[in-house]
């Protein structure tokens, strides 16, 4: 990781802490498993806390993640069997609600660590990539360099939005 990127991350962490921006939870989803003498329920294993910066998650330690899936730790409503995707979201809400998170917390899972290696910066699934000697952020999966924004500008803008929104 170059010094400019590290400076951007360090300044962002300081600004988010100073503004008192609340954290979201980062977790790993562990599906239910059957065993010889019983089974275990699906659960979220907490991995830490992060700030959401659009399509990125930033930990207080400076680790950057591409956003995966998020849910809220809220009581699930009864099944209405409208669609498989709605039932999957309901399941994740239920698991988060049962988990070690406070009610109402946002729980992020399936997030991918941004790898700052040459191979990692060419990963088409990563929100952060390199093109033309610049580090860029994809606004959506599969976006190319013409539909992306400079990493430092993107992070600065998102930190500014978070700070202003929290003051209102």
Foldseek 3Di string as FASTA:
>chain_A
DDPVVQVLLVVLLVLCVVLVQDWFWEWEWDDKAADPVGIDHIATHTDATWDDQQQWTAGNVGWIWGFDDKAFCAQADDDPPPDPVVVVNSSVNPRSVPYPDDHGGMYTYPIGTQDPDQVSQVDQQGQWHDDPNFIWGANDRPDDPVRTHGPSVSSVVSSVVSSVVSVD
